[in-house]
Amino acid sequence: MKPNTHAFSLLELVVALAIAATLAAFAIPSYRDHIAKAHRTDAASALFRAAQFAESAVRADGAPLPAGLDQAPQGGKAIYRLRILPADDTNGGYALEAQPLETGPMAGDACGTFILDATGLRNNRGAAGANPDDCWSAR
């Protein structure tokens, strides 16, 4: 009488591992791109919130942003630090920047530092060949 065993053969196990490795090879980079895009969107949203504050508040040039508006994301561990830049002839009265933290996950990001000025001009400083429209887009 033959014993009734329920197990995987070595070939079945190797095939299953090969399929899992192939899926991981495509899924992990896509996941990382998705996370980076979410962080960029959060930085852009934080700049628009800070711009709303800057437009409505009476403030001195160089005054710090209040807690909650000085980082992105607004709550939790900061990934970007926001600050008001001084007024000059080209920025309409103020400019805001969201700079990635040097020790954060976006430190080497291609989009670099996000800048929004009072005229509505959106730009990126330190963007290594990145298109600013792609950096500011949520798509």
Protein backbone atom coordinates (compact mmCIF):
# COMPACT_ATOMS: atom_id res chain seq x y z
CA MET A 1 0.00 0.00 0.00
CA LYS A 2 1.37 3.46 -1.03
CA PRO A 3 1.38 6.17 1.69
CA ASN A 4 -0.76 9.23 0.92
CA THR A 5 1.57 12.25 1.03
CA HIS A 6 0.67 15.86 0.32
CA ALA A 7 3.73 17.94 -0.46
CA PHE A 8 5.28 20.10 -3.14
CA SER A 9 7.95 18.72 -5.35
CA LEU A 10 11.23 20.60 -5.71
CA LEU A 11 10.29 21.60 -9.27
CA GLU A 12 6.97 23.09 -8.14
CA LEU A 13 8.74 25.04 -5.41
CA VAL A 14 11.35 26.43 -7.86
CA VAL A 15 8.63 27.49 -10.31
CA ALA A 16 6.67 29.24 -7.55
CA LEU A 17 9.78 31.08 -6.36
CA ALA A 18 10.64 32.14 -9.92
CA ILE A 19 7.16 33.59 -10.39
CA ALA A 20 7.37 35.44 -7.04
CA ALA A 21 10.82 36.84 -7.91
CA THR A 22 9.58 38.08 -11.30
CA LEU A 23 6.59 39.81 -9.72
CA ALA A 24 8.81 41.42 -7.07
CA ALA A 25 11.25 42.66 -9.72
CA PHE A 26 8.46 44.70 -11.32
CA ALA A 27 6.39 45.56 -8.25
CA ILE A 28 9.06 47.02 -5.94
CA PRO A 29 10.31 49.81 -8.30
CA SER A 30 6.72 50.69 -9.17
CA TYR A 31 5.85 50.89 -5.47
CA ARG A 32 8.84 53.15 -4.78
CA ASP A 33 7.84 55.46 -7.66
CA HIS A 34 4.30 55.62 -6.28
CA ILE A 35 5.56 56.55 -2.79
CA ALA A 36 7.86 59.27 -4.20
CA LYS A 37 4.99 60.73 -6.23
CA ALA A 38 2.80 60.79 -3.10
CA HIS A 39 5.53 62.66 -1.19
CA ARG A 40 5.87 65.20 -4.02
CA THR A 41 2.11 65.75 -4.10
CA ASP A 42 2.13 66.28 -0.35
CA ALA A 43 4.93 68.87 -0.68
CA ALA A 44 3.01 70.76 -3.37
CA SER A 45 -0.17 70.72 -1.26
CA ALA A 46 1.75 72.00 1.75
CA LEU A 47 3.12 74.88 -0.33
CA PHE A 48 -0.39 75.87 -1.42
CA ARG A 49 -1.59 75.76 2.22
CA ALA A 50 1.37 77.91 3.28
CA ALA A 51 0.68 80.34 0.41
CA GLN A 52 -2.89 80.69 1.61
CA PHE A 53 -1.53 81.54 5.07
CA ALA A 54 1.03 83.98 3.64
CA GLU A 55 -1.65 85.79 1.63
CA SER A 56 -3.96 86.24 4.61
CA ALA A 57 -1.50 86.82 7.46
CA VAL A 58 0.28 89.99 8.41
CA ARG A 59 3.87 88.87 8.74
CA ALA A 60 7.38 90.21 8.65
CA ASP A 61 9.70 89.04 5.88
CA GLY A 62 11.56 85.93 6.91
CA ALA A 63 9.11 85.15 9.73
CA PRO A 64 8.79 81.42 10.27
CA LEU A 65 5.66 79.58 9.28
CA PRO A 66 3.49 78.38 12.17
CA ALA A 67 3.67 74.77 13.35
CA GLY A 68 1.87 72.46 10.97
CA LEU A 69 2.55 74.69 7.96
CA ASP A 70 6.32 74.41 8.30
CA GLN A 71 6.60 70.80 7.13
CA ALA A 72 5.16 68.23 4.76
CA PRO A 73 3.34 66.09 5.60
CA GLN A 74 1.45 68.36 7.95
CA GLY A 75 1.42 65.78 10.75
CA GLY A 76 3.91 63.07 11.61
CA LYS A 77 7.53 62.81 10.60
CA ALA A 78 8.67 65.63 8.29
CA ILE A 79 9.89 64.75 4.81
CA TYR A 80 10.02 68.34 3.49
CA ARG A 81 10.77 71.54 5.45
CA LEU A 82 8.86 74.67 4.35
CA ARG A 83 9.99 78.25 4.77
CA ILE A 84 9.24 81.73 3.48
CA LEU A 85 11.91 83.29 1.28
CA PRO A 86 12.50 87.06 1.30
CA ALA A 87 10.71 89.31 -1.15
CA ASP A 88 12.44 90.47 -4.31
CA ASP A 89 11.46 92.17 -7.57
CA THR A 90 10.49 88.95 -9.35
CA ASN A 91 8.52 86.91 -6.80
CA GLY A 92 5.60 89.27 -6.16
CA GLY A 93 6.25 89.78 -2.46
CA TYR A 94 7.21 86.37 -1.16
CA ALA A 95 8.23 82.88 -2.21
CA LEU A 96 7.80 79.60 -0.38
CA GLU A 97 10.09 76.62 -0.64
CA ALA A 98 9.70 72.99 0.36
CA GLN A 99 13.15 71.48 0.72
CA PRO A 100 13.57 67.73 1.26
CA LEU A 101 15.32 66.80 4.48
CA GLU A 102 18.88 65.58 3.94
CA THR A 103 18.20 62.42 5.94
CA GLY A 104 14.71 61.80 4.54
CA PRO A 105 13.46 59.47 1.82
CA MET A 106 13.33 62.27 -0.77
CA ALA A 107 16.91 63.50 -0.23
CA GLY A 108 18.14 62.39 -3.66
CA ASP A 109 14.89 63.05 -5.50
CA ALA A 110 15.14 64.30 -9.07
CA CYS A 111 12.64 67.12 -8.39
CA GLY A 112 14.78 68.72 -5.68
CA THR A 113 13.33 71.71 -3.82
CA PHE A 114 9.81 72.92 -4.69
CA ILE A 115 9.33 76.70 -4.96
CA LEU A 116 6.04 78.62 -5.19
CA ASP A 117 5.98 82.42 -5.34
CA ALA A 118 3.25 85.02 -4.84
CA THR A 119 2.67 85.30 -8.59
CA GLY A 120 1.79 81.59 -8.75
CA LEU A 121 5.00 80.57 -10.51
CA ARG A 122 5.93 76.98 -9.66
CA ASN A 123 9.51 75.85 -10.04
CA ASN A 124 12.07 73.38 -8.75
CA ARG A 125 15.62 74.12 -7.64
CA GLY A 126 18.23 71.41 -7.89
CA ALA A 127 16.06 69.36 -10.24
CA ALA A 128 18.45 67.06 -12.09
CA GLY A 129 16.87 67.03 -15.52
CA ALA A 130 13.32 66.73 -14.12
CA ASN A 131 10.45 68.57 -15.79
CA PRO A 132 8.80 70.87 -13.18
CA ASP A 133 5.38 70.08 -14.66
CA ASP A 134 5.96 66.39 -13.91
CA CYS A 135 7.14 67.19 -10.39
CA TRP A 136 4.05 69.29 -9.57
CA SER A 137 1.57 66.94 -11.26
CA ALA A 138 -0.38 64.46 -9.17
CA ARG A 139 -0.63 62.07 -12.14
